[in-house]
Amino acid sequence: MNYEEGIQHMIALHQACEDKMIKQSFQIGDLTITYPGYKHTGDYRLSKRNAAPKHTDVMRMIYNQVTTENFEQFCESLDNLYQHGLKSVHGTINQADKELIFWITLQEEINYPQSQGYAGRKLPFQRFYEAALAKLGHVQFQNVLNRAENKGTGRPALFNLPNIKYPSFYQ
């Protein structure tokens, strides 16, 4: 499922609920998708073991997985996931982590669509990439976490680091 298919899938599920007061859900691995959500048609609640995963949780996961040796390949995998969703072909991100990243960013794409001038999934992918940059010491990890938790203060400017090849979403 790519992002457009994911959006259409969730909108169809949302619209199929005759009584919006009744929640329905489905499982994908250890993720639970409960719909309809509250923001927009197609919105849902994502939970993992009964808790809503945060973008900072994904950032910590990435920070712990990235090494100097796998940085480039990991970033290519992240870029491929951004572009193709679950149809991505790069394999350095395991399936469970790929699904978590997809479903947490699909929600952003539904609620804040790029087609309407919002950042959509681009913003969390930028923070995820910055977590990988932090692992290599290019930026402070706590600074990256703070940038992700800046509700209401506007979108932080992207880092401009010399001699770094940026993924497509980091522009």
N, C-alpha and C. Protein backbone atom coordinates (compact mmCIF):
# COMPACT_ATOMS: atom_id res chain seq x y z
N MET A 1 0.86 -1.17 0.00
CA MET A 1 0.00 0.00 0.00
C MET A 1 0.90 1.23 0.00
N ASN A 2 0.71 2.10 -0.98
CA ASN A 2 1.43 3.37 -0.97
C ASN A 2 0.57 4.41 -0.22
N TYR A 3 1.03 5.65 -0.16
CA TYR A 3 0.31 6.65 0.63
C TYR A 3 -1.05 6.99 0.05
N GLU A 4 -1.14 7.11 -1.25
CA GLU A 4 -2.45 7.43 -1.85
C GLU A 4 -3.44 6.31 -1.60
N GLU A 5 -2.99 5.08 -1.75
CA GLU A 5 -3.87 3.93 -1.47
C GLU A 5 -4.26 3.90 0.00
N GLY A 6 -3.33 4.23 0.88
CA GLY A 6 -3.63 4.27 2.31
C GLY A 6 -4.68 5.32 2.65
N ILE A 7 -4.55 6.48 2.04
CA ILE A 7 -5.53 7.56 2.26
C ILE A 7 -6.91 7.10 1.80
N GLN A 8 -6.98 6.56 0.59
CA GLN A 8 -8.27 6.10 0.05
C GLN A 8 -8.86 4.98 0.89
N HIS A 9 -8.01 4.08 1.36
CA HIS A 9 -8.46 2.96 2.21
C HIS A 9 -9.09 3.49 3.50
N MET A 10 -8.41 4.42 4.15
CA MET A 10 -8.92 4.93 5.42
C MET A 10 -10.16 5.79 5.23
N ILE A 11 -10.23 6.54 4.15
CA ILE A 11 -11.43 7.33 3.86
C ILE A 11 -12.62 6.39 3.63
N ALA A 12 -12.40 5.32 2.88
CA ALA A 12 -13.48 4.36 2.62
C ALA A 12 -13.95 3.71 3.91
N LEU A 13 -13.02 3.32 4.80
CA LEU A 13 -13.41 2.73 6.08
C LEU A 13 -14.19 3.73 6.92
N HIS A 14 -13.74 4.95 6.92
CA HIS A 14 -14.42 6.01 7.68
C HIS A 14 -15.85 6.20 7.16
N GLN A 15 -15.99 6.27 5.87
CA GLN A 15 -17.30 6.51 5.27
C GLN A 15 -18.22 5.31 5.42
N ALA A 16 -17.63 4.12 5.55
CA ALA A 16 -18.45 2.91 5.71
C ALA A 16 -19.07 2.82 7.11
N CYS A 17 -18.55 3.59 8.05
CA CYS A 17 -19.12 3.59 9.40
C CYS A 17 -20.42 4.39 9.37
N GLU A 18 -21.52 3.70 9.51
CA GLU A 18 -22.81 4.39 9.47
C GLU A 18 -23.01 5.25 10.71
N ASP A 19 -22.62 4.76 11.85
CA ASP A 19 -22.77 5.50 13.10
C ASP A 19 -21.37 5.90 13.56
N LYS A 20 -21.03 7.15 13.42
CA LYS A 20 -19.68 7.62 13.76
C LYS A 20 -19.36 7.49 15.24
N MET A 21 -20.34 7.16 16.04
CA MET A 21 -20.11 6.98 17.48
C MET A 21 -19.56 5.58 17.78
N ILE A 22 -19.63 4.68 16.83
CA ILE A 22 -19.13 3.33 17.03
C ILE A 22 -17.76 3.22 16.40
N LYS A 23 -16.78 2.86 17.19
CA LYS A 23 -15.41 2.71 16.71
C LYS A 23 -15.19 1.29 16.21
N GLN A 24 -14.41 1.17 15.18
CA GLN A 24 -14.00 -0.12 14.66
C GLN A 24 -12.48 -0.12 14.60
N SER A 25 -11.88 -1.30 14.53
CA SER A 25 -10.43 -1.34 14.47
C SER A 25 -9.95 -2.57 13.73
N PHE A 26 -8.68 -2.53 13.35
CA PHE A 26 -8.00 -3.69 12.77
C PHE A 26 -6.56 -3.69 13.24
N GLN A 27 -5.95 -4.86 13.16
CA GLN A 27 -4.58 -5.06 13.64
C GLN A 27 -3.63 -5.21 12.45
N ILE A 28 -2.45 -4.65 12.61
CA ILE A 28 -1.34 -4.89 11.70
C ILE A 28 -0.14 -5.14 12.60
N GLY A 29 0.25 -6.38 12.74
CA GLY A 29 1.30 -6.72 13.69
C GLY A 29 0.86 -6.33 15.08
N ASP A 30 1.69 -5.57 15.78
CA ASP A 30 1.31 -5.12 17.12
C ASP A 30 0.71 -3.71 17.11
N LEU A 31 0.31 -3.23 15.93
CA LEU A 31 -0.35 -1.93 15.80
C LEU A 31 -1.85 -2.13 15.71
N THR A 32 -2.59 -1.23 16.34
CA THR A 32 -4.05 -1.23 16.24
C THR A 32 -4.46 0.09 15.60
N ILE A 33 -5.25 0.00 14.56
CA ILE A 33 -5.81 1.16 13.87
C ILE A 33 -7.29 1.22 14.24
N THR A 34 -7.68 2.28 14.95
CA THR A 34 -9.07 2.47 15.37
C THR A 34 -9.64 3.66 14.60
N TYR A 35 -10.78 3.48 14.01
CA TYR A 35 -11.40 4.52 13.20
C TYR A 35 -12.89 4.56 13.48
N PRO A 36 -13.59 5.62 13.17
CA PRO A 36 -13.05 6.86 12.62
C PRO A 36 -12.35 7.68 13.69
N GLY A 37 -11.48 8.56 13.23
CA GLY A 37 -10.79 9.49 14.13
C GLY A 37 -11.61 10.75 14.29
N TYR A 38 -10.99 11.76 14.84
CA TYR A 38 -11.72 12.98 15.17
C TYR A 38 -11.39 14.18 14.30
N LYS A 39 -10.26 14.17 13.59
CA LYS A 39 -9.84 15.37 12.88
C LYS A 39 -10.51 15.52 11.52
N HIS A 40 -10.31 14.56 10.64
CA HIS A 40 -10.81 14.65 9.28
C HIS A 40 -11.30 13.29 8.82
N THR A 41 -12.05 13.27 7.74
CA THR A 41 -12.48 12.00 7.15
C THR A 41 -11.25 11.19 6.81
N GLY A 42 -11.19 9.99 7.32
CA GLY A 42 -10.05 9.11 7.11
C GLY A 42 -9.11 9.07 8.29
N ASP A 43 -9.27 10.00 9.24
CA ASP A 43 -8.40 10.02 10.41
C ASP A 43 -8.65 8.77 11.26
N TYR A 44 -7.67 8.39 12.03
CA TYR A 44 -7.75 7.20 12.87
C TYR A 44 -6.85 7.38 14.08
N ARG A 45 -7.00 6.48 15.03
CA ARG A 45 -6.12 6.45 16.19
C ARG A 45 -5.19 5.26 16.02
N LEU A 46 -3.91 5.53 16.12
CA LEU A 46 -2.90 4.48 16.03
C LEU A 46 -2.44 4.16 17.44
N SER A 47 -2.40 2.87 17.77
CA SER A 47 -1.86 2.49 19.07
C SER A 47 -0.99 1.25 18.92
N LYS A 48 -0.06 1.17 19.83
CA LYS A 48 0.86 0.03 19.89
C LYS A 48 0.88 -0.40 21.35
N ARG A 49 0.36 -1.58 21.59
CA ARG A 49 0.22 -2.09 22.96
C ARG A 49 -0.55 -1.09 23.84
N ASN A 50 -1.66 -0.62 23.30
CA ASN A 50 -2.61 0.28 23.99
C ASN A 50 -2.08 1.68 24.27
N ALA A 51 -0.99 2.09 23.64
CA ALA A 51 -0.49 3.45 23.80
C ALA A 51 -0.25 4.05 22.41
N ALA A 52 -0.55 5.32 22.27
CA ALA A 52 -0.33 6.00 21.00
C ALA A 52 1.17 6.25 20.83
N PRO A 53 1.77 5.69 19.78
CA PRO A 53 3.21 5.96 19.57
C PRO A 53 3.42 7.41 19.16
N LYS A 54 4.51 7.97 19.63
CA LYS A 54 4.85 9.35 19.32
C LYS A 54 5.94 9.38 18.25
N HIS A 55 6.03 10.51 17.58
CA HIS A 55 7.11 10.67 16.61
C HIS A 55 8.46 10.54 17.30
N THR A 56 8.55 11.03 18.53
CA THR A 56 9.82 10.92 19.25
C THR A 56 10.17 9.46 19.55
N ASP A 57 9.18 8.59 19.68
CA ASP A 57 9.46 7.16 19.85
C ASP A 57 10.14 6.61 18.61
N VAL A 58 9.64 7.00 17.44
CA VAL A 58 10.24 6.56 16.18
C VAL A 58 11.65 7.14 16.06
N MET A 59 11.82 8.38 16.46
CA MET A 59 13.13 9.02 16.40
C MET A 59 14.14 8.28 17.28
N ARG A 60 13.72 7.89 18.46
CA ARG A 60 14.61 7.12 19.35
C ARG A 60 14.96 5.77 18.73
N MET A 61 13.96 5.12 18.12
CA MET A 61 14.19 3.84 17.45
C MET A 61 15.23 4.01 16.35
N ILE A 62 15.09 5.04 15.54
CA ILE A 62 16.03 5.30 14.45
C ILE A 62 17.41 5.61 15.01
N TYR A 63 17.46 6.45 16.00
CA TYR A 63 18.74 6.81 16.62
C TYR A 63 19.47 5.56 17.12
N ASN A 64 18.73 4.62 17.67
CA ASN A 64 19.33 3.40 18.18
C ASN A 64 19.75 2.42 17.08
N GLN A 65 19.13 2.51 15.92
CA GLN A 65 19.43 1.57 14.83
C GLN A 65 20.52 2.05 13.88
N VAL A 66 20.66 3.35 13.74
CA VAL A 66 21.61 3.89 12.75
C VAL A 66 23.03 3.80 13.28
N THR A 67 23.93 3.43 12.38
CA THR A 67 25.36 3.41 12.67
C THR A 67 26.08 4.16 11.56
N THR A 68 27.35 4.42 11.75
CA THR A 68 28.14 5.05 10.70
C THR A 68 28.12 4.18 9.45
N GLU A 69 28.15 2.87 9.64
CA GLU A 69 28.21 1.95 8.52
C GLU A 69 26.89 1.87 7.75
N ASN A 70 25.75 1.98 8.41
CA ASN A 70 24.48 1.79 7.70
C ASN A 70 23.73 3.10 7.44
N PHE A 71 24.30 4.24 7.80
CA PHE A 71 23.62 5.53 7.68
C PHE A 71 23.07 5.78 6.27
N GLU A 72 23.94 5.66 5.26
CA GLU A 72 23.51 5.95 3.89
C GLU A 72 22.39 5.03 3.44
N GLN A 73 22.55 3.75 3.67
CA GLN A 73 21.55 2.78 3.24
C GLN A 73 20.25 2.97 4.03
N PHE A 74 20.36 3.28 5.33
CA PHE A 74 19.16 3.53 6.14
C PHE A 74 18.40 4.74 5.58
N CYS A 75 19.13 5.81 5.24
CA CYS A 75 18.49 7.01 4.71
C CYS A 75 17.85 6.75 3.36
N GLU A 76 18.48 5.93 2.52
CA GLU A 76 17.87 5.54 1.25
C GLU A 76 16.57 4.77 1.50
N SER A 77 16.59 3.90 2.50
CA SER A 77 15.39 3.13 2.84
C SER A 77 14.28 4.06 3.34
N LEU A 78 14.65 5.03 4.15
CA LEU A 78 13.68 6.00 4.66
C LEU A 78 13.08 6.81 3.52
N ASP A 79 13.92 7.22 2.57
CA ASP A 79 13.44 7.98 1.41
C ASP A 79 12.51 7.13 0.56
N ASN A 80 12.87 5.87 0.37
CA ASN A 80 12.03 4.96 -0.42
C ASN A 80 10.69 4.75 0.25
N LEU A 81 10.69 4.63 1.57
CA LEU A 81 9.45 4.49 2.34
C LEU A 81 8.61 5.75 2.19
N TYR A 82 9.23 6.92 2.25
CA TYR A 82 8.51 8.18 2.07
C TYR A 82 7.81 8.22 0.70
N GLN A 83 8.50 7.77 -0.32
CA GLN A 83 7.98 7.84 -1.67
C GLN A 83 6.96 6.74 -2.00
N HIS A 84 7.18 5.53 -1.47
CA HIS A 84 6.38 4.38 -1.90
C HIS A 84 5.57 3.71 -0.80
N GLY A 85 5.64 4.20 0.41
CA GLY A 85 4.90 3.59 1.51
C GLY A 85 5.32 2.15 1.72
N LEU A 86 4.36 1.30 2.00
CA LEU A 86 4.65 -0.11 2.27
C LEU A 86 5.12 -0.85 1.03
N LYS A 87 5.04 -0.22 -0.13
CA LYS A 87 5.56 -0.83 -1.36
C LYS A 87 7.05 -0.54 -1.54
N SER A 88 7.67 0.11 -0.57
CA SER A 88 9.10 0.42 -0.68
C SER A 88 9.91 -0.86 -0.79
N VAL A 89 11.04 -0.75 -1.47
CA VAL A 89 11.83 -1.94 -1.76
C VAL A 89 13.10 -2.08 -0.93
N HIS A 90 13.60 -1.00 -0.39
CA HIS A 90 14.84 -1.10 0.40
C HIS A 90 14.58 -1.84 1.70
N GLY A 91 15.52 -2.67 2.10
CA GLY A 91 15.28 -3.56 3.21
C GLY A 91 16.01 -3.29 4.50
N THR A 92 16.62 -2.13 4.71
CA THR A 92 17.34 -1.91 5.96
C THR A 92 16.41 -1.56 7.12
N ILE A 93 15.16 -1.27 6.82
CA ILE A 93 14.17 -1.02 7.88
C ILE A 93 13.32 -2.28 7.95
N ASN A 94 13.27 -2.91 9.12
CA ASN A 94 12.50 -4.15 9.22
C ASN A 94 11.00 -3.88 9.05
N GLN A 95 10.26 -4.93 8.75
CA GLN A 95 8.84 -4.79 8.40
C GLN A 95 8.02 -4.13 9.51
N ALA A 96 8.23 -4.51 10.76
CA ALA A 96 7.46 -3.92 11.86
C ALA A 96 7.73 -2.42 11.98
N ASP A 97 8.98 -2.02 11.84
CA ASP A 97 9.32 -0.60 11.92
C ASP A 97 8.80 0.15 10.69
N LYS A 98 8.85 -0.49 9.54
CA LYS A 98 8.32 0.11 8.32
C LYS A 98 6.81 0.38 8.49
N GLU A 99 6.10 -0.59 9.04
CA GLU A 99 4.65 -0.42 9.25
C GLU A 99 4.37 0.69 10.25
N LEU A 100 5.13 0.75 11.33
CA LEU A 100 4.95 1.83 12.31
C LEU A 100 5.17 3.19 11.65
N ILE A 101 6.27 3.33 10.92
CA ILE A 101 6.56 4.61 10.27
C ILE A 101 5.47 4.95 9.26
N PHE A 102 5.05 3.97 8.48
CA PHE A 102 4.00 4.22 7.48
C PHE A 102 2.71 4.70 8.14
N TRP A 103 2.23 3.98 9.14
CA TRP A 103 0.92 4.32 9.72
C TRP A 103 0.96 5.61 10.53
N ILE A 104 2.10 5.92 11.15
CA ILE A 104 2.18 7.17 11.91
C ILE A 104 2.28 8.36 10.96
N THR A 105 2.90 8.16 9.78
CA THR A 105 3.01 9.26 8.83
C THR A 105 1.81 9.36 7.89
N LEU A 106 1.14 8.24 7.65
CA LEU A 106 -0.10 8.29 6.86
C LEU A 106 -1.13 9.17 7.57
N GLN A 107 -1.19 9.07 8.86
CA GLN A 107 -2.12 9.88 9.64
C GLN A 107 -1.82 11.37 9.43
N GLU A 108 -0.55 11.73 9.38
CA GLU A 108 -0.16 13.13 9.13
C GLU A 108 -0.58 13.55 7.73
N GLU A 109 -0.43 12.65 6.77
CA GLU A 109 -0.79 12.97 5.38
C GLU A 109 -2.30 13.15 5.24
N ILE A 110 -3.07 12.40 6.01
CA ILE A 110 -4.54 12.55 5.98
C ILE A 110 -4.96 13.85 6.64
N ASN A 111 -4.41 14.14 7.80
CA ASN A 111 -4.85 15.31 8.57
C ASN A 111 -4.25 16.63 8.08
N TYR A 112 -3.06 16.57 7.49
CA TYR A 112 -2.36 17.78 7.03
C TYR A 112 -1.82 17.53 5.62
N PRO A 113 -2.71 17.39 4.63
CA PRO A 113 -2.29 16.96 3.29
C PRO A 113 -1.36 17.94 2.58
N GLN A 114 -0.33 17.38 1.97
CA GLN A 114 0.60 18.20 1.19
C GLN A 114 -0.13 18.84 0.02
N SER A 115 -1.14 18.16 -0.50
CA SER A 115 -1.89 18.69 -1.64
C SER A 115 -2.62 19.99 -1.29
N GLN A 116 -2.78 20.26 0.00
CA GLN A 116 -3.45 21.49 0.43
C GLN A 116 -2.46 22.47 1.07
N GLY A 117 -1.18 22.27 0.81
CA GLY A 117 -0.16 23.21 1.28
C GLY A 117 0.42 22.91 2.65
N TYR A 118 0.00 21.85 3.29
CA TYR A 118 0.55 21.46 4.58
C TYR A 118 1.78 20.57 4.38
N ALA A 119 2.46 20.26 5.45
CA ALA A 119 3.67 19.43 5.36
C ALA A 119 3.36 17.94 5.25
N GLY A 120 2.18 17.51 5.73
CA GLY A 120 1.82 16.10 5.67
C GLY A 120 2.87 15.20 6.28
N ARG A 121 3.19 14.11 5.59
CA ARG A 121 4.17 13.15 6.09
C ARG A 121 5.60 13.68 6.00
N LYS A 122 5.81 14.72 5.22
CA LYS A 122 7.15 15.26 5.04
C LYS A 122 7.78 15.69 6.36
N LEU A 123 7.02 16.36 7.20
CA LEU A 123 7.56 16.88 8.46
C LEU A 123 8.06 15.76 9.39
N PRO A 124 7.28 14.72 9.67
CA PRO A 124 7.84 13.67 10.52
C PRO A 124 9.03 12.96 9.87
N PHE A 125 9.01 12.77 8.55
CA PHE A 125 10.16 12.16 7.90
C PHE A 125 11.40 13.03 8.05
N GLN A 126 11.24 14.34 8.03
CA GLN A 126 12.38 15.23 8.24
C GLN A 126 12.95 15.05 9.65
N ARG A 127 12.07 14.94 10.64
CA ARG A 127 12.56 14.73 12.01
C ARG A 127 13.21 13.34 12.14
N PHE A 128 12.65 12.33 11.47
CA PHE A 128 13.24 10.99 11.53
C PHE A 128 14.65 11.02 10.93
N TYR A 129 14.81 11.73 9.83
CA TYR A 129 16.12 11.86 9.20
C TYR A 129 17.09 12.59 10.13
N GLU A 130 16.60 13.60 10.79
CA GLU A 130 17.46 14.35 11.71
C GLU A 130 17.93 13.48 12.88
N ALA A 131 17.11 12.51 13.27
CA ALA A 131 17.54 11.57 14.32
C ALA A 131 18.73 10.75 13.82
N ALA A 132 18.71 10.38 12.55
CA ALA A 132 19.85 9.65 11.97
C ALA A 132 21.08 10.56 11.91
N LEU A 133 20.89 11.82 11.54
CA LEU A 133 22.00 12.77 11.52
C LEU A 133 22.60 12.93 12.92
N ALA A 134 21.75 12.95 13.92
CA ALA A 134 22.22 13.09 15.30
C ALA A 134 23.10 11.91 15.71
N LYS A 135 22.73 10.73 15.26
CA LYS A 135 23.51 9.55 15.61
C LYS A 135 24.95 9.68 15.11
N LEU A 136 25.13 10.35 13.97
CA LEU A 136 26.47 10.55 13.43
C LEU A 136 27.16 11.77 14.02
N GLY A 137 26.47 12.47 14.92
CA GLY A 137 27.08 13.60 15.60
C GLY A 137 26.98 14.92 14.86
N HIS A 138 26.18 14.98 13.79
CA HIS A 138 26.03 16.23 13.04
C HIS A 138 25.20 17.26 13.80
N VAL A 139 24.29 16.79 14.63
CA VAL A 139 23.43 17.66 15.44
C VAL A 139 23.22 16.97 16.79
N GLN A 140 22.77 17.72 17.75
CA GLN A 140 22.48 17.17 19.08
C GLN A 140 21.14 16.45 19.05
N PHE A 141 21.10 15.22 19.57
CA PHE A 141 19.86 14.45 19.56
C PHE A 141 18.77 15.14 20.36
N GLN A 142 19.10 15.73 21.50
CA GLN A 142 18.09 16.42 22.30
C GLN A 142 17.50 17.60 21.53
N ASN A 143 18.31 18.27 20.74
CA ASN A 143 17.82 19.37 19.90
C ASN A 143 16.81 18.84 18.88
N VAL A 144 17.10 17.69 18.30
CA VAL A 144 16.19 17.08 17.32
C VAL A 144 14.87 16.70 17.99
N LEU A 145 14.95 16.12 19.19
CA LEU A 145 13.72 15.78 19.92
C LEU A 145 12.91 17.04 20.22
N ASN A 146 13.58 18.10 20.64
CA ASN A 146 12.89 19.36 20.93
C ASN A 146 12.20 19.92 19.69
N ARG A 147 12.85 19.79 18.54
CA ARG A 147 12.26 20.27 17.29
C ARG A 147 10.98 19.50 16.96
N ALA A 148 10.92 18.24 17.35
CA ALA A 148 9.73 17.43 17.08
C ALA A 148 8.58 17.76 18.04
N GLU A 149 8.91 18.30 19.18
CA GLU A 149 7.88 18.59 20.19
C GLU A 149 7.61 20.08 20.30
N ASN A 150 7.65 20.78 19.20
CA ASN A 150 7.52 22.24 19.18
C ASN A 150 6.11 22.71 18.84
N LYS A 151 5.11 22.02 19.31
CA LYS A 151 3.71 22.33 18.97
C LYS A 151 3.42 23.83 19.09
N GLY A 152 2.87 24.36 18.01
CA GLY A 152 2.42 25.74 18.03
C GLY A 152 3.49 26.79 17.80
N THR A 153 4.74 26.38 17.58
CA THR A 153 5.80 27.38 17.39
C THR A 153 6.29 27.45 15.95
N GLY A 154 5.59 26.80 15.05
CA GLY A 154 6.00 26.82 13.65
C GLY A 154 6.98 25.71 13.31
N ARG A 155 7.15 25.52 12.04
CA ARG A 155 8.04 24.47 11.55
C ARG A 155 9.49 24.93 11.64
N PRO A 156 10.35 24.14 12.27
CA PRO A 156 11.76 24.53 12.37
C PRO A 156 12.43 24.48 11.00
N ALA A 157 13.38 25.38 10.79
CA ALA A 157 14.15 25.38 9.54
C ALA A 157 14.97 24.10 9.45
N LEU A 158 15.17 23.64 8.24
CA LEU A 158 15.97 22.44 8.05
C LEU A 158 17.44 22.75 8.30
N PHE A 159 18.18 21.74 8.73
CA PHE A 159 19.61 21.90 8.91
C PHE A 159 20.26 22.01 7.54
N ASN A 160 21.29 22.81 7.44
CA ASN A 160 22.04 22.95 6.21
C ASN A 160 23.48 22.55 6.50
N LEU A 161 23.75 21.27 6.33
CA LEU A 161 25.06 20.73 6.66
C LEU A 161 25.86 20.51 5.39
N PRO A 162 27.14 20.88 5.40
CA PRO A 162 27.96 20.69 4.20
C PRO A 162 28.26 19.21 3.96
N ASN A 163 28.41 18.87 2.70
CA ASN A 163 28.83 17.53 2.27
C ASN A 163 27.88 16.41 2.71
N ILE A 164 26.61 16.72 2.81
CA ILE A 164 25.61 15.71 3.17
C ILE A 164 24.64 15.57 2.00
N LYS A 165 24.38 14.33 1.61
CA LYS A 165 23.39 14.06 0.57
C LYS A 165 22.03 13.92 1.26
N TYR A 166 21.10 14.80 0.93
CA TYR A 166 19.80 14.82 1.59
C TYR A 166 18.79 13.97 0.84
N PRO A 167 17.88 13.33 1.56
CA PRO A 167 16.80 12.60 0.91
C PRO A 167 15.79 13.56 0.27
N SER A 168 14.93 13.03 -0.58
CA SER A 168 13.99 13.88 -1.33
C SER A 168 13.07 14.69 -0.44
N PHE A 169 12.72 14.18 0.72
CA PHE A 169 11.79 14.89 1.60
C PHE A 169 12.45 15.96 2.45
N TYR A 170 13.78 16.05 2.41
CA TYR A 170 14.50 17.03 3.24
C TYR A 170 14.87 18.24 2.39
N GLN A 171 13.83 18.93 1.92
CA GLN A 171 14.04 20.12 1.07
C GLN A 171 13.01 21.15 1.43
